[in-house]
């Protein structure tokens, strides 16, 4: 399976994306999925349009991208985290 480039974005590319980044890294290891995690600011997504396979973000985005976008605000609220993880895992397995 090809290594997937996963963009992990939040407003500043520091705090919340670090939490989400760790969770995705853990899931990928558990399921033996190769991922290239790129932690960025939401404003930087555009520069990865040609290479990314998935965007997981805690920031608001109304923009359309040529890859799936998963809202990960549940990692901040603690509500629905397992559902979000499941969505991420499904995309990683494609």
C-alpha atoms as a PDB file:
ATOM      1  CA  UNK A   1       0.000   0.000   0.000  1.00  0.00           C
ATOM      2  CA  UNK A   2       1.248   3.475  -0.940  1.00  0.00           C
ATOM      3  CA  UNK A   3       2.209   5.784   1.910  1.00  0.00           C
ATOM      4  CA  UNK A   4      -0.594   8.321   2.420  1.00  0.00           C
ATOM      5  CA  UNK A   5       0.160  11.977   2.981  1.00  0.00           C
ATOM      6  CA  UNK A   6      -2.117  13.213   5.740  1.00  0.00           C
ATOM      7  CA  UNK A   7      -2.328  16.915   6.466  1.00  0.00           C
ATOM      8  CA  UNK A   8      -3.109  17.689  10.094  1.00  0.00           C
ATOM      9  CA  UNK A   9      -4.133  21.321  10.360  1.00  0.00           C
ATOM     10  CA  UNK A  10      -5.322  23.738  12.994  1.00  0.00           C
ATOM     11  CA  UNK A  11      -5.393  27.521  13.162  1.00  0.00           C
ATOM     12  CA  UNK A  12      -1.739  27.952  14.164  1.00  0.00           C
ATOM     13  CA  UNK A  13      -0.344  24.504  13.285  1.00  0.00           C
ATOM     14  CA  UNK A  14       0.861  23.950  16.850  1.00  0.00           C
ATOM     15  CA  UNK A  15      -1.457  22.983  19.703  1.00  0.00           C
ATOM     16  CA  UNK A  16      -4.522  21.046  18.617  1.00  0.00           C
ATOM     17  CA  UNK A  17      -2.907  19.617  15.511  1.00  0.00           C
ATOM     18  CA  UNK A  18      -0.253  18.049  17.767  1.00  0.00           C
ATOM     19  CA  UNK A  19      -2.970  16.127  19.644  1.00  0.00           C
ATOM     20  CA  UNK A  20      -4.629  14.944  16.431  1.00  0.00           C
ATOM     21  CA  UNK A  21      -1.259  14.144  14.860  1.00  0.00           C
ATOM     22  CA  UNK A  22      -0.407  11.833  17.771  1.00  0.00           C
ATOM     23  CA  UNK A  23      -3.754  10.046  17.538  1.00  0.00           C
ATOM     24  CA  UNK A  24      -3.375   9.418  13.793  1.00  0.00           C
ATOM     25  CA  UNK A  25       0.200   8.223  14.263  1.00  0.00           C
ATOM     26  CA  UNK A  26      -0.985   5.745  16.897  1.00  0.00           C
ATOM     27  CA  UNK A  27      -3.839   4.456  14.700  1.00  0.00           C
ATOM     28  CA  UNK A  28      -1.543   4.039  11.713  1.00  0.00           C
ATOM     29  CA  UNK A  29       0.911   1.982  13.779  1.00  0.00           C
ATOM     30  CA  UNK A  30      -1.868  -0.194  15.229  1.00  0.00           C
ATOM     31  CA  UNK A  31      -3.199  -0.991  11.758  1.00  0.00           C
ATOM     32  CA  UNK A  32       0.169  -1.153  10.005  1.00  0.00           C
ATOM     33  CA  UNK A  33      -0.674   1.739   7.675  1.00  0.00           C
ATOM     34  CA  UNK A  34       2.150   3.871   6.311  1.00  0.00           C
ATOM     35  CA  UNK A  35       1.471   7.578   6.648  1.00  0.00           C
ATOM     36  CA  UNK A  36       3.381  10.761   6.060  1.00  0.00           C
ATOM     37  CA  UNK A  37       1.936  13.182   8.615  1.00  0.00           C
ATOM     38  CA  UNK A  38       2.361  16.866   7.858  1.00  0.00           C
ATOM     39  CA  UNK A  39       1.398  19.231  10.658  1.00  0.00           C
ATOM     40  CA  UNK A  40       0.444  22.651   9.263  1.00  0.00           C
ATOM     41  CA  UNK A  41      -1.616  25.803   9.672  1.00  0.00           C
ATOM     42  CA  UNK A  42      -4.974  25.652   7.904  1.00  0.00           C
ATOM     43  CA  UNK A  43      -3.756  28.532   5.686  1.00  0.00           C
ATOM     44  CA  UNK A  44      -0.993  26.274   4.308  1.00  0.00           C
ATOM     45  CA  UNK A  45      -3.258  23.508   2.963  1.00  0.00           C
ATOM     46  CA  UNK A  46      -3.305  25.021  -0.519  1.00  0.00           C
ATOM     47  CA  UNK A  47       0.406  24.307  -1.025  1.00  0.00           C
ATOM     48  CA  UNK A  48      -0.218  20.551  -0.546  1.00  0.00           C
ATOM     49  CA  UNK A  49      -3.160  20.204  -2.955  1.00  0.00           C
ATOM     50  CA  UNK A  50      -1.126  18.157  -5.443  1.00  0.00           C
ATOM     51  CA  UNK A  51       0.351  15.708  -2.915  1.00  0.00           C
ATOM     52  CA  UNK A  52      -2.090  15.232  -0.021  1.00  0.00           C
ATOM     53  CA  UNK A  53      -4.434  12.258   0.339  1.00  0.00           C
ATOM     54  CA  UNK A  54      -6.392  13.497   3.351  1.00  0.00           C
ATOM     55  CA  UNK A  55      -6.913  16.615   5.483  1.00  0.00           C
ATOM     56  CA  UNK A  56      -7.773  16.238   9.160  1.00  0.00           C
ATOM     57  CA  UNK A  57      -8.469  19.612  10.742  1.00  0.00           C
ATOM     58  CA  UNK A  58      -9.696  21.212  13.943  1.00  0.00           C
ATOM     59  CA  UNK A  59     -10.098  24.548  12.127  1.00  0.00           C
ATOM     60  CA  UNK A  60     -13.088  25.708  10.122  1.00  0.00           C
ATOM     61  CA  UNK A  61     -12.778  25.325   6.368  1.00  0.00           C
ATOM     62  CA  UNK A  62     -15.378  25.961   3.706  1.00  0.00           C
ATOM     63  CA  UNK A  63     -12.972  25.413   0.837  1.00  0.00           C
ATOM     64  CA  UNK A  64     -13.249  22.395  -1.450  1.00  0.00           C
ATOM     65  CA  UNK A  65     -10.157  20.227  -1.887  1.00  0.00           C
ATOM     66  CA  UNK A  66      -9.437  17.296  -4.227  1.00  0.00           C
ATOM     67  CA  UNK A  67      -9.070  15.004  -1.195  1.00  0.00           C
ATOM     68  CA  UNK A  68     -11.337  14.121   1.747  1.00  0.00           C
ATOM     69  CA  UNK A  69     -11.542  16.576   4.648  1.00  0.00           C
ATOM     70  CA  UNK A  70     -12.318  15.262   8.123  1.00  0.00           C
ATOM     71  CA  UNK A  71     -13.390  17.631  10.860  1.00  0.00           C
ATOM     72  CA  UNK A  72     -11.501  16.698  14.041  1.00  0.00           C
ATOM     73  CA  UNK A  73     -12.945  19.241  16.467  1.00  0.00           C
ATOM     74  CA  UNK A  74     -14.154  16.260  18.504  1.00  0.00           C
ATOM     75  CA  UNK A  75     -10.562  15.944  19.742  1.00  0.00           C
ATOM     76  CA  UNK A  76     -11.031  19.329  21.407  1.00  0.00           C
ATOM     77  CA  UNK A  77     -14.455  18.691  22.896  1.00  0.00           C
ATOM     78  CA  UNK A  78     -13.969  15.022  23.727  1.00  0.00           C
ATOM     79  CA  UNK A  79     -17.391  14.299  22.205  1.00  0.00           C
ATOM     80  CA  UNK A  80     -17.432  11.888  19.259  1.00  0.00           C
ATOM     81  CA  UNK A  81     -13.688  11.176  19.238  1.00  0.00           C
ATOM     82  CA  UNK A  82     -14.153   7.483  18.447  1.00  0.00           C
ATOM     83  CA  UNK A  83     -16.421   8.277  15.474  1.00  0.00           C
ATOM     84  CA  UNK A  84     -13.850  10.730  14.134  1.00  0.00           C
ATOM     85  CA  UNK A  85     -11.049   8.191  14.580  1.00  0.00           C
ATOM     86  CA  UNK A  86     -13.147   5.635  12.678  1.00  0.00           C
ATOM     87  CA  UNK A  87     -13.646   8.066   9.761  1.00  0.00           C
ATOM     88  CA  UNK A  88      -9.907   8.762   9.651  1.00  0.00           C
ATOM     89  CA  UNK A  89      -9.108   5.051   9.742  1.00  0.00           C
ATOM     90  CA  UNK A  90     -11.555   4.318   6.904  1.00  0.00           C
ATOM     91  CA  UNK A  91      -9.850   6.942   4.723  1.00  0.00           C
ATOM     92  CA  UNK A  92      -6.383   5.635   5.584  1.00  0.00           C
ATOM     93  CA  UNK A  93      -7.381   2.106   4.583  1.00  0.00           C
ATOM     94  CA  UNK A  94      -8.631   3.153   1.116  1.00  0.00           C
END
